[in-house]
């Protein structure tokens, strides 16, 4: 991708209003750093890294969505923002890490969401390319009657 990288590492407009995460994203925006770059990650993300690959790292989401059993983050280690910047080797490693994470937790079904590009379109609060593995929790009270209530809600766009 030939586009110049953005100097905006986070988008406070996409942080969950009224949630603790909103304040964290606003503070990161003031610092003008990328919270997902390896040299900054420990400053803003307190969950341990579970898998540290060549291209990716995997960790639990510090601010999981409501009514999930598992919410994992897969973060590309180099600061890239678009899938067009991924190498074929990084794609292969991503699949391997997803497989390890799923098998280790016996995730029978879930959602894989890759956030890339301009946050106006993605709903992401961090511009650094990253992915989510989300498994809903059918035992959560939001899944009880009435069934018209949606389960996991994630912003896109």
Protein backbone atom coordinates (compact mmCIF):
# COMPACT_ATOMS: atom_id res chain seq x y z
CA UNK A 1 0.00 0.00 0.00
CA UNK A 2 1.48 3.33 -1.05
CA UNK A 3 -0.57 5.51 1.25
CA UNK A 4 1.37 7.40 3.89
CA UNK A 5 0.88 5.99 7.39
CA UNK A 6 -1.45 7.94 9.60
CA UNK A 7 -0.12 9.86 12.60
CA UNK A 8 -3.42 9.06 14.32
CA UNK A 9 -2.78 5.80 16.16
CA UNK A 10 -6.12 5.66 17.94
CA UNK A 11 -9.63 6.87 17.22
CA UNK A 12 -11.40 7.98 20.42
CA UNK A 13 -14.65 8.28 18.46
CA UNK A 14 -14.80 4.48 18.24
CA UNK A 15 -14.17 3.76 21.94
CA UNK A 16 -17.20 2.47 23.82
CA UNK A 17 -18.92 5.52 25.37
CA UNK A 18 -19.09 5.45 29.15
CA UNK A 19 -16.77 2.42 29.34
CA UNK A 20 -13.36 2.57 31.09
CA UNK A 21 -11.78 1.92 27.69
CA UNK A 22 -12.97 5.31 26.45
CA UNK A 23 -10.71 7.11 28.95
CA UNK A 24 -7.77 4.86 28.10
CA UNK A 25 -8.07 5.61 24.38
CA UNK A 26 -8.33 9.35 25.04
CA UNK A 27 -5.14 9.22 27.15
CA UNK A 28 -3.32 7.26 24.44
CA UNK A 29 -4.44 9.81 21.83
CA UNK A 30 -2.88 12.58 23.92
CA UNK A 31 0.41 10.65 24.10
CA UNK A 32 0.42 10.19 20.30
CA UNK A 33 1.78 6.63 20.45
CA UNK A 34 0.53 3.35 19.06
CA UNK A 35 -0.66 1.16 21.96
CA UNK A 36 -0.24 -2.03 19.91
CA UNK A 37 3.37 -1.55 18.84
CA UNK A 38 5.56 -3.93 20.88
CA UNK A 39 7.51 -1.13 22.58
CA UNK A 40 4.25 0.41 23.90
CA UNK A 41 2.02 -2.63 24.44
CA UNK A 42 2.95 -3.31 28.08
CA UNK A 43 2.25 0.34 28.95
CA UNK A 44 -1.39 0.05 27.93
CA UNK A 45 -2.26 -3.65 27.87
CA UNK A 46 -1.90 -5.59 31.11
CA UNK A 47 -2.90 -9.05 29.86
CA UNK A 48 0.04 -11.44 29.30
CA UNK A 49 1.11 -12.32 25.79
CA UNK A 50 0.08 -15.96 25.25
CA UNK A 51 1.73 -16.52 21.88
CA UNK A 52 4.70 -14.52 20.61
CA UNK A 53 5.31 -15.42 16.98
CA UNK A 54 7.56 -13.96 14.33
CA UNK A 55 4.84 -11.68 12.92
CA UNK A 56 2.01 -11.83 15.45
CA UNK A 57 1.34 -11.90 19.15
CA UNK A 58 -1.80 -13.15 20.83
CA UNK A 59 -3.32 -12.08 24.13
CA UNK A 60 -6.67 -11.85 25.87
CA UNK A 61 -8.49 -8.61 25.21
CA UNK A 62 -8.15 -6.38 28.25
CA UNK A 63 -11.54 -4.84 27.51
CA UNK A 64 -13.65 -7.74 26.19
CA UNK A 65 -17.03 -7.22 24.62
CA UNK A 66 -20.09 -7.94 26.75
CA UNK A 67 -21.34 -11.54 27.00
CA UNK A 68 -18.32 -13.35 25.59
CA UNK A 69 -16.67 -16.51 26.80
CA UNK A 70 -13.44 -15.75 24.95
CA UNK A 71 -12.18 -12.50 23.43
CA UNK A 72 -8.64 -12.71 22.11
CA UNK A 73 -6.51 -10.18 20.27
CA UNK A 74 -4.01 -11.02 17.57
CA UNK A 75 -1.73 -8.07 16.92
CA UNK A 76 0.73 -7.77 14.05
CA UNK A 77 4.12 -7.02 15.59
CA UNK A 78 5.22 -4.44 13.02
CA UNK A 79 3.16 -1.26 12.79
CA UNK A 80 1.11 -1.81 9.68
CA UNK A 81 -2.42 -0.68 9.08
CA UNK A 82 -3.72 -2.55 6.04
CA UNK A 83 -3.97 -6.18 4.95
CA UNK A 84 -2.16 -5.27 1.72
CA UNK A 85 0.98 -4.86 3.83
CA UNK A 86 0.89 -8.44 5.16
CA UNK A 87 3.45 -10.90 3.83
CA UNK A 88 2.41 -14.41 2.77
CA UNK A 89 4.42 -15.72 5.75
CA UNK A 90 2.44 -13.51 8.14
CA UNK A 91 -0.83 -14.92 6.77
CA UNK A 92 0.41 -18.46 7.33
CA UNK A 93 1.48 -17.68 10.90
CA UNK A 94 -1.87 -16.01 11.61
CA UNK A 95 -3.71 -19.19 10.65
CA UNK A 96 -1.36 -21.28 12.81
CA UNK A 97 -1.92 -19.02 15.84
CA UNK A 98 -5.70 -19.02 15.39
CA UNK A 99 -5.63 -22.82 15.28
CA UNK A 100 -3.54 -23.01 18.48
CA UNK A 101 -5.78 -20.56 20.32
CA UNK A 102 -8.97 -22.33 19.25
CA UNK A 103 -7.72 -25.81 20.11
CA UNK A 104 -6.31 -24.69 23.45
CA UNK A 105 -9.71 -23.37 24.47
CA UNK A 106 -11.86 -25.92 22.66
CA UNK A 107 -13.72 -23.15 20.83
CA UNK A 108 -16.45 -24.99 18.93
CA UNK A 109 -17.52 -21.83 17.10
CA UNK A 110 -16.74 -18.16 17.12
CA UNK A 111 -16.06 -15.07 15.09
CA UNK A 112 -12.81 -13.90 13.55
CA UNK A 113 -12.73 -10.16 12.85
CA UNK A 114 -9.74 -8.48 11.20
CA UNK A 115 -9.51 -4.72 11.69
CA UNK A 116 -7.53 -2.93 9.00
CA UNK A 117 -7.42 0.45 7.31
CA UNK A 118 -9.17 3.67 8.12
CA UNK A 119 -11.11 3.56 11.38
CA UNK A 120 -14.01 5.45 9.81
CA UNK A 121 -14.85 2.20 8.01
CA UNK A 122 -13.69 -0.39 10.54
CA UNK A 123 -15.06 0.82 13.87
CA UNK A 124 -11.64 0.11 15.39
CA UNK A 125 -10.25 2.32 18.12
CA UNK A 126 -6.62 1.40 17.24
CA UNK A 127 -5.27 1.87 13.70
CA UNK A 128 -2.58 -0.83 14.03
CA UNK A 129 -3.63 -3.97 12.11
CA UNK A 130 -5.15 -6.48 14.54
CA UNK A 131 -7.74 -9.23 14.73
CA UNK A 132 -10.25 -10.50 17.25
CA UNK A 133 -11.34 -14.03 18.02
CA UNK A 134 -14.64 -13.88 19.83
CA UNK A 135 -16.74 -16.69 21.24
CA UNK A 136 -20.07 -15.70 22.69
CA UNK A 137 -21.19 -17.02 26.05
CA UNK A 138 -24.63 -18.65 25.67
CA UNK A 139 -24.87 -18.85 29.48
CA UNK A 140 -24.74 -15.04 29.78
CA UNK A 141 -27.99 -13.40 30.92
CA UNK A 142 -28.31 -11.52 27.60
CA UNK A 143 -29.00 -14.84 25.90
CA UNK A 144 -31.94 -15.67 28.14
CA UNK A 145 -35.50 -14.79 27.15
CA UNK A 146 -36.45 -12.74 25.28
CA UNK A 147 -34.24 -14.04 22.48
CA UNK A 148 -34.69 -10.82 20.53
CA UNK A 149 -31.77 -9.26 22.45
CA UNK A 150 -28.57 -9.47 20.42
CA UNK A 151 -25.55 -11.24 21.87
CA UNK A 152 -22.12 -9.76 21.21
CA UNK A 153 -22.20 -6.29 19.69
CA UNK A 154 -19.11 -4.94 17.92
CA UNK A 155 -18.89 -1.61 16.14
CA UNK A 156 -18.05 -1.70 12.45
CA UNK A 157 -17.88 1.68 10.72
